[in-house]
N, C-alpha and C. Protein backbone atom coordinates (compact mmCIF):
# COMPACT_ATOMS: atom_id res chain seq x y z
N MET A 1 18.55 -5.51 16.02
CA MET A 1 17.60 -4.58 15.43
C MET A 1 18.16 -4.07 14.10
N PHE A 2 17.29 -4.04 13.10
CA PHE A 2 17.68 -3.56 11.78
C PHE A 2 17.20 -2.12 11.63
N ARG A 3 18.10 -1.29 11.14
CA ARG A 3 17.73 0.12 10.93
C ARG A 3 18.48 0.66 9.73
N GLY A 4 17.97 1.74 9.21
CA GLY A 4 18.65 2.41 8.12
C GLY A 4 18.10 2.07 6.75
N LEU A 5 18.53 2.84 5.79
CA LEU A 5 18.10 2.74 4.40
C LEU A 5 19.31 2.44 3.53
N THR A 6 19.15 1.46 2.65
CA THR A 6 20.17 1.17 1.65
C THR A 6 19.45 0.99 0.31
N ILE A 7 19.96 1.64 -0.71
CA ILE A 7 19.42 1.46 -2.05
C ILE A 7 20.24 0.35 -2.72
N VAL A 8 19.54 -0.66 -3.20
CA VAL A 8 20.19 -1.80 -3.85
C VAL A 8 19.56 -2.02 -5.22
N SER A 9 20.24 -2.83 -6.02
CA SER A 9 19.75 -3.12 -7.36
C SER A 9 19.05 -4.47 -7.40
N LEU A 10 17.99 -4.53 -8.16
CA LEU A 10 17.26 -5.76 -8.43
C LEU A 10 17.63 -6.17 -9.84
N ASP A 11 18.12 -7.40 -10.01
CA ASP A 11 18.52 -7.80 -11.36
C ASP A 11 17.32 -8.32 -12.15
N ALA A 12 17.52 -8.60 -13.42
CA ALA A 12 16.44 -9.01 -14.32
C ALA A 12 15.79 -10.31 -13.90
N LYS A 13 16.51 -11.16 -13.16
CA LYS A 13 15.95 -12.43 -12.70
C LYS A 13 15.20 -12.30 -11.38
N GLY A 14 15.22 -11.09 -10.80
CA GLY A 14 14.51 -10.88 -9.54
C GLY A 14 15.37 -11.12 -8.32
N ARG A 15 16.68 -11.13 -8.49
CA ARG A 15 17.59 -11.32 -7.36
C ARG A 15 17.92 -9.96 -6.75
N LEU A 16 17.89 -9.94 -5.44
CA LEU A 16 18.12 -8.72 -4.68
C LEU A 16 19.26 -8.97 -3.71
N ALA A 17 20.28 -8.13 -3.77
CA ALA A 17 21.41 -8.27 -2.85
C ALA A 17 21.02 -7.74 -1.47
N ILE A 18 21.24 -8.57 -0.46
CA ILE A 18 21.04 -8.13 0.92
C ILE A 18 22.19 -7.19 1.25
N PRO A 19 21.91 -5.99 1.77
CA PRO A 19 23.00 -5.08 2.11
C PRO A 19 24.02 -5.78 3.02
N SER A 20 25.29 -5.60 2.70
CA SER A 20 26.34 -6.32 3.42
C SER A 20 26.32 -6.03 4.91
N LYS A 21 25.92 -4.84 5.31
CA LYS A 21 25.91 -4.51 6.73
C LYS A 21 24.89 -5.34 7.52
N HIS A 22 23.95 -5.99 6.83
CA HIS A 22 22.92 -6.80 7.51
C HIS A 22 23.10 -8.30 7.31
N ARG A 23 23.92 -8.71 6.37
CA ARG A 23 24.02 -10.14 6.03
C ARG A 23 24.43 -11.03 7.19
N GLU A 24 25.49 -10.64 7.87
CA GLU A 24 26.00 -11.48 8.96
C GLU A 24 24.96 -11.65 10.06
N GLN A 25 24.31 -10.56 10.44
CA GLN A 25 23.30 -10.63 11.48
C GLN A 25 22.11 -11.50 11.04
N LEU A 26 21.70 -11.35 9.80
CA LEU A 26 20.60 -12.18 9.29
C LEU A 26 20.97 -13.65 9.30
N GLU A 27 22.19 -13.96 8.90
CA GLU A 27 22.63 -15.35 8.88
C GLU A 27 22.73 -15.92 10.29
N GLU A 28 23.15 -15.10 11.26
CA GLU A 28 23.19 -15.55 12.66
C GLU A 28 21.79 -15.82 13.19
N LEU A 29 20.84 -14.96 12.83
CA LEU A 29 19.48 -15.09 13.33
C LEU A 29 18.71 -16.23 12.68
N SER A 30 18.97 -16.46 11.40
CA SER A 30 18.08 -17.38 10.68
C SER A 30 18.79 -18.42 9.83
N GLY A 31 20.10 -18.49 9.91
CA GLY A 31 20.81 -19.43 9.08
C GLY A 31 20.55 -19.21 7.61
N SER A 32 20.40 -18.00 7.19
CA SER A 32 20.14 -17.55 5.82
C SER A 32 18.72 -17.81 5.34
N ARG A 33 17.83 -18.23 6.21
CA ARG A 33 16.43 -18.49 5.84
C ARG A 33 15.58 -17.28 6.22
N LEU A 34 14.93 -16.70 5.21
CA LEU A 34 14.10 -15.50 5.40
C LEU A 34 12.70 -15.76 4.89
N VAL A 35 11.77 -14.91 5.28
CA VAL A 35 10.40 -14.97 4.78
C VAL A 35 10.02 -13.58 4.30
N VAL A 36 9.48 -13.53 3.08
CA VAL A 36 9.04 -12.28 2.49
C VAL A 36 7.54 -12.37 2.24
N THR A 37 6.84 -11.27 2.50
CA THR A 37 5.39 -11.22 2.27
C THR A 37 4.99 -9.81 1.87
N VAL A 38 3.74 -9.64 1.55
CA VAL A 38 3.22 -8.33 1.12
C VAL A 38 2.87 -7.49 2.34
N ASP A 39 2.70 -6.20 2.09
CA ASP A 39 2.21 -5.28 3.12
C ASP A 39 1.13 -4.40 2.50
N ARG A 40 0.22 -3.94 3.31
CA ARG A 40 -0.88 -3.12 2.81
C ARG A 40 -0.41 -1.81 2.19
N ASP A 41 0.81 -1.38 2.49
CA ASP A 41 1.36 -0.16 1.92
C ASP A 41 1.97 -0.37 0.54
N ARG A 42 1.79 -1.58 -0.02
CA ARG A 42 2.32 -1.94 -1.34
C ARG A 42 3.84 -2.02 -1.37
N CYS A 43 4.40 -2.42 -0.25
CA CYS A 43 5.81 -2.76 -0.21
C CYS A 43 5.88 -4.23 0.21
N LEU A 44 7.08 -4.76 0.34
CA LEU A 44 7.25 -6.12 0.84
C LEU A 44 7.87 -6.06 2.23
N LEU A 45 7.56 -7.06 3.03
CA LEU A 45 8.15 -7.20 4.35
C LEU A 45 9.07 -8.41 4.32
N LEU A 46 10.27 -8.25 4.86
CA LEU A 46 11.25 -9.33 4.89
C LEU A 46 11.65 -9.59 6.33
N TYR A 47 11.43 -10.83 6.77
CA TYR A 47 11.70 -11.23 8.15
C TYR A 47 12.74 -12.33 8.20
N PRO A 48 13.61 -12.33 9.22
CA PRO A 48 14.35 -13.56 9.52
C PRO A 48 13.32 -14.62 9.89
N GLU A 49 13.52 -15.85 9.48
CA GLU A 49 12.49 -16.88 9.69
C GLU A 49 12.04 -17.00 11.15
N PRO A 50 12.93 -16.96 12.15
CA PRO A 50 12.45 -17.05 13.53
C PRO A 50 11.49 -15.92 13.93
N GLU A 51 11.72 -14.72 13.43
CA GLU A 51 10.80 -13.61 13.71
C GLU A 51 9.47 -13.83 13.01
N TRP A 52 9.51 -14.34 11.78
CA TRP A 52 8.28 -14.60 11.04
C TRP A 52 7.43 -15.66 11.76
N ILE A 53 8.05 -16.66 12.31
CA ILE A 53 7.31 -17.72 13.01
C ILE A 53 6.49 -17.13 14.15
N ILE A 54 7.03 -16.14 14.85
CA ILE A 54 6.29 -15.46 15.92
C ILE A 54 5.05 -14.78 15.35
N ILE A 55 5.23 -14.07 14.23
CA ILE A 55 4.10 -13.38 13.59
C ILE A 55 3.06 -14.39 13.12
N GLU A 56 3.53 -15.45 12.49
CA GLU A 56 2.62 -16.47 11.96
C GLU A 56 1.78 -17.11 13.07
N ARG A 57 2.39 -17.34 14.21
CA ARG A 57 1.65 -17.90 15.36
C ARG A 57 0.58 -16.93 15.85
N GLN A 58 0.89 -15.64 15.81
CA GLN A 58 -0.10 -14.64 16.21
C GLN A 58 -1.29 -14.65 15.25
N PHE A 59 -1.01 -14.78 13.96
CA PHE A 59 -2.10 -14.88 12.98
C PHE A 59 -2.91 -16.15 13.22
N ALA A 60 -2.26 -17.25 13.51
CA ALA A 60 -2.95 -18.53 13.73
C ALA A 60 -3.84 -18.47 14.96
N ALA A 61 -3.51 -17.62 15.91
CA ALA A 61 -4.30 -17.52 17.14
C ALA A 61 -5.54 -16.64 16.98
N LEU A 62 -5.68 -15.97 15.85
CA LEU A 62 -6.85 -15.12 15.64
C LEU A 62 -8.10 -15.98 15.47
N PRO A 63 -9.26 -15.44 15.81
CA PRO A 63 -10.51 -16.21 15.70
C PRO A 63 -10.81 -16.63 14.27
N ALA A 64 -10.99 -17.92 14.06
CA ALA A 64 -11.19 -18.48 12.72
C ALA A 64 -12.48 -18.01 12.07
N LEU A 65 -13.46 -17.61 12.85
CA LEU A 65 -14.74 -17.20 12.28
C LEU A 65 -14.84 -15.69 12.06
N ASP A 66 -13.78 -14.97 12.39
CA ASP A 66 -13.77 -13.52 12.21
C ASP A 66 -13.28 -13.20 10.80
N SER A 67 -14.12 -12.53 10.01
CA SER A 67 -13.78 -12.29 8.61
C SER A 67 -12.57 -11.36 8.45
N THR A 68 -12.42 -10.40 9.35
CA THR A 68 -11.26 -9.51 9.27
C THR A 68 -9.98 -10.28 9.57
N ALA A 69 -10.03 -11.15 10.57
CA ALA A 69 -8.87 -11.97 10.91
C ALA A 69 -8.49 -12.86 9.73
N ARG A 70 -9.48 -13.46 9.09
CA ARG A 70 -9.20 -14.33 7.94
C ARG A 70 -8.61 -13.53 6.78
N ALA A 71 -9.11 -12.31 6.58
CA ALA A 71 -8.58 -11.47 5.51
C ALA A 71 -7.11 -11.13 5.77
N LEU A 72 -6.78 -10.84 7.01
CA LEU A 72 -5.38 -10.55 7.35
C LEU A 72 -4.51 -11.79 7.18
N GLN A 73 -5.00 -12.94 7.59
CA GLN A 73 -4.25 -14.19 7.41
C GLN A 73 -4.00 -14.45 5.93
N ARG A 74 -5.02 -14.27 5.13
CA ARG A 74 -4.87 -14.49 3.69
C ARG A 74 -3.83 -13.54 3.09
N LEU A 75 -3.90 -12.29 3.51
CA LEU A 75 -3.00 -11.29 2.96
C LEU A 75 -1.55 -11.58 3.35
N TYR A 76 -1.29 -11.70 4.63
CA TYR A 76 0.09 -11.81 5.09
C TYR A 76 0.64 -13.24 5.03
N VAL A 77 -0.08 -14.19 5.58
CA VAL A 77 0.41 -15.58 5.59
C VAL A 77 0.25 -16.20 4.21
N GLY A 78 -0.86 -15.91 3.55
CA GLY A 78 -1.11 -16.49 2.24
C GLY A 78 -0.13 -16.06 1.17
N ASN A 79 0.46 -14.89 1.33
CA ASN A 79 1.43 -14.39 0.36
C ASN A 79 2.88 -14.57 0.81
N ALA A 80 3.08 -15.18 1.97
CA ALA A 80 4.44 -15.36 2.49
C ALA A 80 5.20 -16.42 1.70
N GLN A 81 6.46 -16.12 1.43
CA GLN A 81 7.34 -17.05 0.72
C GLN A 81 8.66 -17.15 1.46
N GLU A 82 9.14 -18.37 1.61
CA GLU A 82 10.47 -18.57 2.18
C GLU A 82 11.49 -18.29 1.08
N VAL A 83 12.54 -17.57 1.43
CA VAL A 83 13.64 -17.31 0.51
C VAL A 83 14.95 -17.55 1.25
N ASP A 84 15.95 -17.97 0.53
CA ASP A 84 17.26 -18.23 1.13
C ASP A 84 18.28 -17.23 0.60
N ILE A 85 19.20 -16.86 1.46
CA ILE A 85 20.33 -16.03 1.03
C ILE A 85 21.31 -16.95 0.33
N ASP A 86 21.64 -16.63 -0.93
CA ASP A 86 22.57 -17.48 -1.69
C ASP A 86 24.02 -17.14 -1.34
N ALA A 87 24.95 -17.83 -1.98
CA ALA A 87 26.37 -17.66 -1.70
C ALA A 87 26.87 -16.25 -2.01
N GLN A 88 26.16 -15.53 -2.89
CA GLN A 88 26.53 -14.15 -3.23
C GLN A 88 25.80 -13.12 -2.37
N GLY A 89 25.04 -13.58 -1.36
CA GLY A 89 24.34 -12.66 -0.48
C GLY A 89 23.06 -12.10 -1.06
N ARG A 90 22.43 -12.85 -1.98
CA ARG A 90 21.21 -12.38 -2.63
C ARG A 90 20.03 -13.27 -2.26
N ILE A 91 18.85 -12.71 -2.44
CA ILE A 91 17.62 -13.50 -2.36
C ILE A 91 16.90 -13.37 -3.69
N LEU A 92 16.13 -14.38 -4.03
CA LEU A 92 15.33 -14.36 -5.25
C LEU A 92 13.90 -14.05 -4.86
N LEU A 93 13.41 -12.89 -5.29
CA LEU A 93 12.04 -12.50 -4.99
C LEU A 93 11.12 -13.07 -6.07
N PRO A 94 10.08 -13.79 -5.67
CA PRO A 94 9.14 -14.31 -6.67
C PRO A 94 8.51 -13.17 -7.48
N ARG A 95 8.22 -13.48 -8.75
CA ARG A 95 7.68 -12.47 -9.66
C ARG A 95 6.41 -11.81 -9.10
N TYR A 96 5.49 -12.60 -8.55
CA TYR A 96 4.23 -12.00 -8.09
C TYR A 96 4.46 -11.00 -6.96
N LEU A 97 5.48 -11.22 -6.14
CA LEU A 97 5.78 -10.27 -5.08
C LEU A 97 6.45 -9.01 -5.65
N ARG A 98 7.32 -9.19 -6.63
CA ARG A 98 7.93 -8.02 -7.29
C ARG A 98 6.86 -7.18 -7.96
N GLU A 99 5.91 -7.83 -8.62
CA GLU A 99 4.83 -7.10 -9.28
C GLU A 99 3.93 -6.41 -8.27
N PHE A 100 3.63 -7.09 -7.16
CA PHE A 100 2.78 -6.50 -6.12
C PHE A 100 3.36 -5.16 -5.65
N ALA A 101 4.67 -5.13 -5.40
CA ALA A 101 5.31 -3.92 -4.87
C ALA A 101 5.85 -3.02 -5.98
N ALA A 102 5.57 -3.36 -7.23
CA ALA A 102 6.03 -2.59 -8.40
C ALA A 102 7.53 -2.32 -8.34
N LEU A 103 8.29 -3.36 -7.99
CA LEU A 103 9.74 -3.20 -7.88
C LEU A 103 10.35 -3.16 -9.26
N ASP A 104 11.23 -2.19 -9.45
CA ASP A 104 11.94 -2.07 -10.72
C ASP A 104 13.41 -2.35 -10.45
N LYS A 105 14.29 -1.57 -10.98
CA LYS A 105 15.72 -1.83 -10.86
C LYS A 105 16.32 -1.35 -9.54
N ARG A 106 15.86 -0.23 -9.04
CA ARG A 106 16.42 0.33 -7.80
C ARG A 106 15.41 0.16 -6.68
N VAL A 107 15.90 -0.44 -5.60
CA VAL A 107 15.03 -0.85 -4.51
C VAL A 107 15.54 -0.27 -3.20
N ALA A 108 14.62 0.25 -2.39
CA ALA A 108 14.95 0.75 -1.06
C ALA A 108 14.79 -0.40 -0.06
N PHE A 109 15.84 -0.69 0.65
CA PHE A 109 15.88 -1.75 1.66
C PHE A 109 15.90 -1.02 2.99
N VAL A 110 14.77 -1.05 3.74
CA VAL A 110 14.57 -0.18 4.88
C VAL A 110 14.46 -1.00 6.17
N GLY A 111 15.41 -0.83 7.07
CA GLY A 111 15.39 -1.51 8.35
C GLY A 111 14.25 -0.99 9.22
N GLN A 112 13.51 -1.91 9.83
CA GLN A 112 12.36 -1.56 10.68
C GLN A 112 12.36 -2.40 11.95
N GLY A 113 13.48 -2.44 12.64
CA GLY A 113 13.54 -3.21 13.88
C GLY A 113 13.84 -4.67 13.62
N VAL A 114 12.80 -5.52 13.73
CA VAL A 114 13.00 -6.97 13.53
C VAL A 114 12.79 -7.40 12.09
N LYS A 115 12.45 -6.46 11.22
CA LYS A 115 12.17 -6.79 9.82
C LYS A 115 12.68 -5.68 8.92
N PHE A 116 12.55 -5.92 7.62
CA PHE A 116 12.86 -4.91 6.61
C PHE A 116 11.63 -4.66 5.77
N GLU A 117 11.51 -3.44 5.28
CA GLU A 117 10.56 -3.13 4.23
C GLU A 117 11.35 -3.02 2.94
N ILE A 118 10.77 -3.53 1.86
CA ILE A 118 11.40 -3.46 0.54
C ILE A 118 10.46 -2.65 -0.35
N TRP A 119 10.96 -1.53 -0.83
CA TRP A 119 10.18 -0.58 -1.62
C TRP A 119 10.85 -0.32 -2.96
N ASP A 120 10.07 -0.03 -3.97
CA ASP A 120 10.62 0.58 -5.17
C ASP A 120 11.18 1.93 -4.73
N GLU A 121 12.35 2.29 -5.20
CA GLU A 121 13.01 3.51 -4.72
C GLU A 121 12.12 4.75 -4.88
N SER A 122 11.47 4.91 -6.01
CA SER A 122 10.65 6.11 -6.22
C SER A 122 9.42 6.09 -5.31
N ALA A 123 8.85 4.92 -5.06
CA ALA A 123 7.71 4.82 -4.14
C ALA A 123 8.15 5.17 -2.73
N TRP A 124 9.34 4.72 -2.34
CA TRP A 124 9.86 5.05 -1.01
C TRP A 124 10.07 6.56 -0.87
N GLN A 125 10.64 7.18 -1.89
CA GLN A 125 10.85 8.63 -1.84
C GLN A 125 9.53 9.37 -1.74
N ALA A 126 8.52 8.93 -2.49
CA ALA A 126 7.21 9.57 -2.43
C ALA A 126 6.58 9.38 -1.05
N ARG A 127 6.70 8.18 -0.48
CA ARG A 127 6.14 7.91 0.84
C ARG A 127 6.83 8.76 1.91
N THR A 128 8.13 8.91 1.79
CA THR A 128 8.88 9.74 2.75
C THR A 128 8.44 11.19 2.65
N GLU A 129 8.32 11.69 1.43
CA GLU A 129 7.89 13.08 1.23
C GLU A 129 6.47 13.29 1.79
N ALA A 130 5.59 12.33 1.55
CA ALA A 130 4.22 12.45 2.08
C ALA A 130 4.22 12.47 3.60
N ALA A 131 5.06 11.64 4.22
CA ALA A 131 5.12 11.60 5.69
C ALA A 131 5.63 12.92 6.25
N LEU A 132 6.57 13.54 5.55
CA LEU A 132 7.08 14.83 6.02
C LEU A 132 6.01 15.91 6.04
N ASN A 133 5.02 15.77 5.18
CA ASN A 133 3.97 16.77 5.06
C ASN A 133 2.64 16.35 5.68
N ASP A 134 2.61 15.23 6.36
CA ASP A 134 1.36 14.68 6.90
C ASP A 134 1.09 15.22 8.30
N LEU A 135 0.09 16.07 8.41
CA LEU A 135 -0.26 16.65 9.71
C LEU A 135 -0.81 15.60 10.67
N ALA A 136 -1.40 14.53 10.15
CA ALA A 136 -1.94 13.48 11.02
C ALA A 136 -0.83 12.81 11.83
N ILE A 137 0.37 12.79 11.31
CA ILE A 137 1.49 12.21 12.06
C ILE A 137 1.73 13.02 13.32
N ASN A 138 1.65 14.34 13.21
CA ASN A 138 1.81 15.19 14.40
C ASN A 138 0.72 14.89 15.43
N GLU A 139 -0.52 14.74 14.96
CA GLU A 139 -1.63 14.46 15.86
C GLU A 139 -1.45 13.11 16.55
N LEU A 140 -1.04 12.10 15.78
CA LEU A 140 -0.79 10.78 16.36
C LEU A 140 0.32 10.84 17.39
N ALA A 141 1.38 11.55 17.08
CA ALA A 141 2.51 11.67 18.00
C ALA A 141 2.06 12.27 19.32
N MET A 142 1.24 13.30 19.26
CA MET A 142 0.76 13.94 20.48
C MET A 142 -0.19 13.01 21.25
N ALA A 143 -1.11 12.35 20.55
CA ALA A 143 -2.10 11.50 21.20
C ALA A 143 -1.46 10.26 21.83
N SER A 144 -0.39 9.76 21.25
CA SER A 144 0.23 8.54 21.76
C SER A 144 1.34 8.79 22.74
N GLY A 145 1.59 10.04 23.06
CA GLY A 145 2.65 10.37 23.98
C GLY A 145 4.01 10.53 23.32
N LEU A 146 4.07 10.37 22.02
CA LEU A 146 5.34 10.52 21.32
C LEU A 146 5.72 11.99 21.19
N GLY A 147 4.81 12.88 21.49
CA GLY A 147 5.10 14.30 21.40
C GLY A 147 6.22 14.73 22.32
N THR A 148 6.49 13.95 23.37
CA THR A 148 7.58 14.29 24.29
C THR A 148 8.88 13.59 23.91
N LEU A 149 8.85 12.78 22.86
CA LEU A 149 10.04 12.07 22.41
C LEU A 149 11.08 13.07 21.90
N THR A 150 12.29 12.92 22.36
CA THR A 150 13.38 13.78 21.92
C THR A 150 14.16 13.05 20.85
N LEU A 151 14.24 13.66 19.67
CA LEU A 151 15.00 13.07 18.58
C LEU A 151 16.26 13.86 18.31
């Protein structure tokens, strides 16, 4: 499971260093093969390839004639790119994905269980601040039974 936040630098060529605390585990899981795609929150999602294959199969199983299913397939599978961890522990993010997530020089690399979210640092900070002030999160927590969760 991947967890935690690390701020990393994105170089001018679009190379992003994988945080060292996650490199070994990623290489064990996927042999350095990862898949990056877009997310509706305007960040990127980064999966070890075996985890992505599970997601991709779920998308493939959706009804082909359902327009919402096709829209989701186009969004997530259609924008997915395979990337490899290089000898320096970096991945090269394609330009269109960097532009989609408005990634600049400082990037938030956020562990989310089986995947990572990749955010522009300022967008991540704004999203975190908004979540702290979002009353709907409290309502969701209570409705889903998370209200009894002890943190």
